Amino acid sequence: MIALLHYLRMFLLYGIQIYRYVLLAYFLLSWLPGGYQSSLGQFLIRICEPFVGLFRPYIPNIGMVSLAGMVAFISLRFVEIGIDGIFRTLIQLIR
């Protein structure tokens, strides 16, 4: 049971880490002219925009810069820390 929880924890944490790298690529692509018109850009929009879009109504733009991406990136880190803490606590309780 402990091994299953450990593997599930690692699977979730690696998935979140990969998604954070995808978000980083999505943000960096916005600096390139025409970056979102490429097939890679369209793929990243389909994957990242639903999550980043959750924060857009609540986070104001500063000039032409949207801070919703940064807030999404940081909140994903908090989710990662929370999942890690929950699984560590569960593993401690089972032992």
C-alpha atoms as a PDB file:
ATOM      1  CA  MET A   1       0.000   0.000   0.000  1.00  0.00           C
ATOM      2  CA  ILE A   2       2.831   2.383   0.819  1.00  0.00           C
ATOM      3  CA  ALA A   3       4.526   1.619  -2.485  1.00  0.00           C
ATOM      4  CA  LEU A   4       1.304   2.356  -4.368  1.00  0.00           C
ATOM      5  CA  LEU A   5       0.921   5.714  -2.611  1.00  0.00           C
ATOM      6  CA  HIS A   6       4.562   6.526  -3.304  1.00  0.00           C
ATOM      7  CA  TYR A   7       4.212   5.737  -7.018  1.00  0.00           C
ATOM      8  CA  LEU A   8       0.979   7.711  -7.248  1.00  0.00           C
ATOM      9  CA  ARG A   9       2.649  10.662  -5.516  1.00  0.00           C
ATOM     10  CA  MET A  10       5.618  10.545  -7.880  1.00  0.00           C
ATOM     11  CA  PHE A  11       3.338  10.217 -10.924  1.00  0.00           C
ATOM     12  CA  LEU A  12       1.338  13.295  -9.910  1.00  0.00           C
ATOM     13  CA  LEU A  13       4.415  15.345  -9.025  1.00  0.00           C
ATOM     14  CA  TYR A  14       6.172  14.487 -12.293  1.00  0.00           C
ATOM     15  CA  GLY A  15       2.996  15.309 -14.216  1.00  0.00           C
ATOM     16  CA  ILE A  16       2.765  18.714 -12.557  1.00  0.00           C
ATOM     17  CA  GLN A  17       6.455  19.347 -13.183  1.00  0.00           C
ATOM     18  CA  ILE A  18       6.072  18.499 -16.873  1.00  0.00           C
ATOM     19  CA  TYR A  19       3.035  20.787 -17.097  1.00  0.00           C
ATOM     20  CA  ARG A  20       5.062  23.605 -15.523  1.00  0.00           C
ATOM     21  CA  TYR A  21       7.673  23.190 -18.276  1.00  0.00           C
ATOM     22  CA  VAL A  22       4.893  23.252 -20.874  1.00  0.00           C
ATOM     23  CA  LEU A  23       3.581  26.480 -19.312  1.00  0.00           C
ATOM     24  CA  LEU A  24       7.073  27.949 -19.447  1.00  0.00           C
ATOM     25  CA  ALA A  25       7.323  27.100 -23.152  1.00  0.00           C
ATOM     26  CA  TYR A  26       3.881  28.666 -23.668  1.00  0.00           C
ATOM     27  CA  PHE A  27       5.018  31.892 -21.992  1.00  0.00           C
ATOM     28  CA  LEU A  28       8.306  32.048 -23.870  1.00  0.00           C
ATOM     29  CA  LEU A  29       6.522  31.471 -27.170  1.00  0.00           C
ATOM     30  CA  SER A  30       4.527  34.661 -26.601  1.00  0.00           C
ATOM     31  CA  TRP A  31       7.724  36.670 -27.053  1.00  0.00           C
ATOM     32  CA  LEU A  32       8.282  35.342 -30.561  1.00  0.00           C
ATOM     33  CA  PRO A  33       6.453  37.107 -33.379  1.00  0.00           C
ATOM     34  CA  GLY A  34       3.941  34.671 -34.847  1.00  0.00           C
ATOM     35  CA  GLY A  35       4.830  32.033 -32.279  1.00  0.00           C
ATOM     36  CA  TYR A  36       1.230  31.089 -31.587  1.00  0.00           C
ATOM     37  CA  GLN A  37       0.453  30.655 -35.292  1.00  0.00           C
ATOM     38  CA  SER A  38       2.755  27.636 -35.557  1.00  0.00           C
ATOM     39  CA  SER A  39       1.510  24.111 -34.945  1.00  0.00           C
ATOM     40  CA  LEU A  40       3.497  23.999 -31.694  1.00  0.00           C
ATOM     41  CA  GLY A  41       1.932  27.285 -30.619  1.00  0.00           C
ATOM     42  CA  GLN A  42      -1.577  26.019 -31.359  1.00  0.00           C
ATOM     43  CA  PHE A  43      -0.851  22.840 -29.392  1.00  0.00           C
ATOM     44  CA  LEU A  44       0.412  24.821 -26.405  1.00  0.00           C
ATOM     45  CA  ILE A  45      -2.622  27.118 -26.533  1.00  0.00           C
ATOM     46  CA  ARG A  46      -4.973  24.127 -26.388  1.00  0.00           C
ATOM     47  CA  ILE A  47      -3.105  22.696 -23.395  1.00  0.00           C
ATOM     48  CA  CYS A  48      -2.262  25.836 -21.395  1.00  0.00           C
ATOM     49  CA  GLU A  49      -5.012  28.351 -22.041  1.00  0.00           C
ATOM     50  CA  PRO A  50      -7.761  26.563 -20.055  1.00  0.00           C
ATOM     51  CA  PHE A  51      -5.605  26.692 -16.911  1.00  0.00           C
ATOM     52  CA  VAL A  52      -4.230  30.204 -17.421  1.00  0.00           C
ATOM     53  CA  GLY A  53      -7.701  31.401 -18.421  1.00  0.00           C
ATOM     54  CA  LEU A  54      -8.966  30.589 -14.928  1.00  0.00           C
ATOM     55  CA  PHE A  55      -6.877  33.474 -13.573  1.00  0.00           C
ATOM     56  CA  ARG A  56      -7.456  36.082 -16.314  1.00  0.00           C
ATOM     57  CA  PRO A  57     -10.731  37.522 -14.916  1.00  0.00           C
ATOM     58  CA  TYR A  58      -9.174  38.078 -11.492  1.00  0.00           C
ATOM     59  CA  ILE A  59      -5.650  39.273 -12.327  1.00  0.00           C
ATOM     60  CA  PRO A  60      -5.426  42.688 -14.020  1.00  0.00           C
ATOM     61  CA  ASN A  61      -3.075  43.459 -16.872  1.00  0.00           C
ATOM     62  CA  ILE A  62      -0.254  45.902 -16.340  1.00  0.00           C
ATOM     63  CA  GLY A  63      -0.084  47.754 -19.629  1.00  0.00           C
ATOM     64  CA  MET A  64       0.246  45.070 -22.293  1.00  0.00           C
ATOM     65  CA  VAL A  65       1.527  42.450 -19.856  1.00  0.00           C
ATOM     66  CA  SER A  66      -0.824  39.858 -18.391  1.00  0.00           C
ATOM     67  CA  LEU A  67       0.198  38.601 -14.972  1.00  0.00           C
ATOM     68  CA  ALA A  68      -2.270  35.700 -15.095  1.00  0.00           C
ATOM     69  CA  GLY A  69       0.428  33.390 -16.439  1.00  0.00           C
ATOM     70  CA  MET A  70       2.774  34.139 -13.582  1.00  0.00           C
ATOM     71  CA  VAL A  71      -0.001  33.619 -11.036  1.00  0.00           C
ATOM     72  CA  ALA A  72      -0.952  30.333 -12.726  1.00  0.00           C
ATOM     73  CA  PHE A  73       2.679  29.183 -12.659  1.00  0.00           C
ATOM     74  CA  ILE A  74       3.068  30.038  -8.965  1.00  0.00           C
ATOM     75  CA  SER A  75      -0.282  28.506  -8.012  1.00  0.00           C
ATOM     76  CA  LEU A  76       0.727  25.282  -9.737  1.00  0.00           C
ATOM     77  CA  ARG A  77       3.765  25.193  -7.478  1.00  0.00           C
ATOM     78  CA  PHE A  78       1.506  25.572  -4.428  1.00  0.00           C
ATOM     79  CA  VAL A  79      -0.637  22.693  -5.697  1.00  0.00           C
ATOM     80  CA  GLU A  80       2.522  20.625  -6.088  1.00  0.00           C
ATOM     81  CA  ILE A  81       3.583  21.382  -2.505  1.00  0.00           C
ATOM     82  CA  GLY A  82       0.085  20.546  -1.242  1.00  0.00           C
ATOM     83  CA  ILE A  83      -0.074  17.210  -3.051  1.00  0.00           C
ATOM     84  CA  ASP A  84       3.376  16.307  -1.785  1.00  0.00           C
ATOM     85  CA  GLY A  85       2.383  17.154   1.787  1.00  0.00           C
ATOM     86  CA  ILE A  86      -0.850  15.175   1.606  1.00  0.00           C
ATOM     87  CA  PHE A  87       0.852  12.067   0.282  1.00  0.00           C
ATOM     88  CA  ARG A  88       3.707  12.320   2.772  1.00  0.00           C
ATOM     89  CA  THR A  89       1.169  12.557   5.601  1.00  0.00           C
ATOM     90  CA  LEU A  90      -0.776   9.571   4.279  1.00  0.00           C
ATOM     91  CA  ILE A  91       2.395   7.502   4.043  1.00  0.00           C
ATOM     92  CA  GLN A  92       3.366   8.486   7.594  1.00  0.00           C
ATOM     93  CA  LEU A  93      -0.081   7.503   8.896  1.00  0.00           C
ATOM     94  CA  ILE A  94       0.014   4.092   7.233  1.00  0.00           C
ATOM     95  CA  ARG A  95       3.446   3.210   8.604  1.00  0.00           C
END
